[in-house]
C-alpha cells in the first residue's frame, strides 16, 4: 500500500500529460482530483490496519534492484499522521480555486500531483540519502508554482527566496549525510540508529542538519522567505506550504536529530529553545504590524511552529506528542484561514490590504461564522486541536525549563491579539465605502472550509484518536524498550 501511495499520483501525471489542455480541461481536473481522492482513501485503509501497540516500522518494503539506490520504505506512528495529512490536503488544494487559473491548468495540476508523491516519500523512506533527495526535490515544483502562477510581479523574487534559502541550508545537510556514510558505511535509518557516534562528531553533524531544518521551520533569523512565499503564492500553494511543507522540518527534527544524535540534541536544547522563544515573540509582534492579510497568517505560522519546536526539544513524551498534535492542527487551521482571506475575499477584490475590508458581516453571514471558528481555533481555545497541542507542548517545556515554558506561554496572549485584530478589522465596523457588495462563500468554498474545520474540532475533543498511535513511537524515540 505504501508503494501505491507513491505511484498513484505519478500514474495521474502520466494520464494527464498527453492531454490537450484546451480540449480536455474538465477531464484534466477530474483525473487529478480522482487520483488524489484514491490516495486519501488508501491512506485511511493504511491507518485502519496500523498496529499502535507494535514497535518499529510497519508496512516495510525494500527494493534493491538499483545498485546505487537502496529504496527502503515504512511507517511508524510519527510518519503515519504526516502521510494522512498530505493525502488529506492534496484534494483540498486541487478543489480550491477550481476555476480561477488563467493559463497552464495541466502543468499546474501535474505540479501538485508530483508534490504529493515527493512529500509522501519524505515521510516514508527509511534511508537518509533518499530522505535528502525527496526533501529537496519538493522545492522544484513549489518554486515553479510560486514563480509562474503567483499573485503579483514580485512572485519571482518570492520564488527565488524560497528556493535559495532552503537549498543553501540543505547543502550542509548533504555534507553531513556524506560524513555519516563514510563513517557508518550506510545511510539506512536502522543501521545509523545502532551506530555509536561520538559526542564531538554528533555536535558537528547536528549543527549541519539543524541549519537546514531551521530554515524549513522557519526560525528567526532564517524566516524571511516564508511571508513572501505565502503572500505571492496562489491559494493552493499557500495551503500546501502551510499544511505540509512546514512539517518537513518537524519530521526531520524527530527522525534525524532526536533519533540519531540524542546526546547532541540534549546539549543544544537550551540554544534551540532560546531561538524558538525569540522567534515566537518576535513573529507575534510582527504579525500585529501586518497590513497584508496573507502575510499576517504567514507570520502567525512562524509563531505556532516556534511552539512546536519548544515541545520537540523538551525531551519529554508530553512535549513531543503535543508538538505533533499542534503540527497537525496547524495543518488544518492555517489552510482554512488562507482559504477565507486569500480565497473568498481576494478572489472577489484582488487586494490583500486589511484596511480595505470592513463591515463584511452585513453581506457575508456564512463567511462570518466560518471565519469566527477558524479564528478561535487559531487562538487555541479549549475543544480545538490547537489548544490540546499548545497545552501539551508548553507543559512539556515547563517540565524541562520553567522559565522557557513561561516565556513560551506568552504566545497564547499574543496569538489571541493578532487573531482578534484580523477578525475585528474585516468583520465589524461600518461597511467600507470603497467596497462593493461582496458575495458570500460558494458551495465549493463551504465544503473546503467545512472539511478543514471539522477535524480540527473533532480531534480537539477526542485527541486520543491520534495520541494512541503516537505514544508507542514517541516512547521508543526517547527510551530503549
Foldseek 3Di string as FASTA:
>chain_A
DLVCLLCLLVVLLVVLVVDDCVVCVVVNLVSLLVSLVVSLVVLVVVLVPDDLVDDDWPPWDWDCPDPVDTFIWTDALQLSVLLNLLSLLLSLLSLFCVPPDDDDSSVLSSLSSNLSSLLSQLSITQFLVSNLVSLLVSLVSLLCQQCPVWQDPCSPVLSCLSNVLLVVLCVLLVVLQVVLCVVQVGRGLVSLLPDDDDLVNLQSNLVSLVSNLCLQLPFPPNPVSQLSSQNTGALSSNLCSFQNSNCSSVVCCQSPNLRRRVPNLLVCLVVLLVRLLCLQVVLLVVLLVDQFQSSSLRSLSSNLSSLLSLLSSLLDLLSPVLSSLLSNLSSQLSSLSCCLQVNQVCVVPVGRGLQQAAALCVAAVVSLVLLVLSLVLQLQDALFSNVSSSVSNLVSSCVRPVVSSVSSVVSSVSSNVSSVVSSNSHHHDDGHPNDDRGHYDDPSSVVSSCSRSVCRNVCSNVVVSSVSSVNSHSCVSSDPD
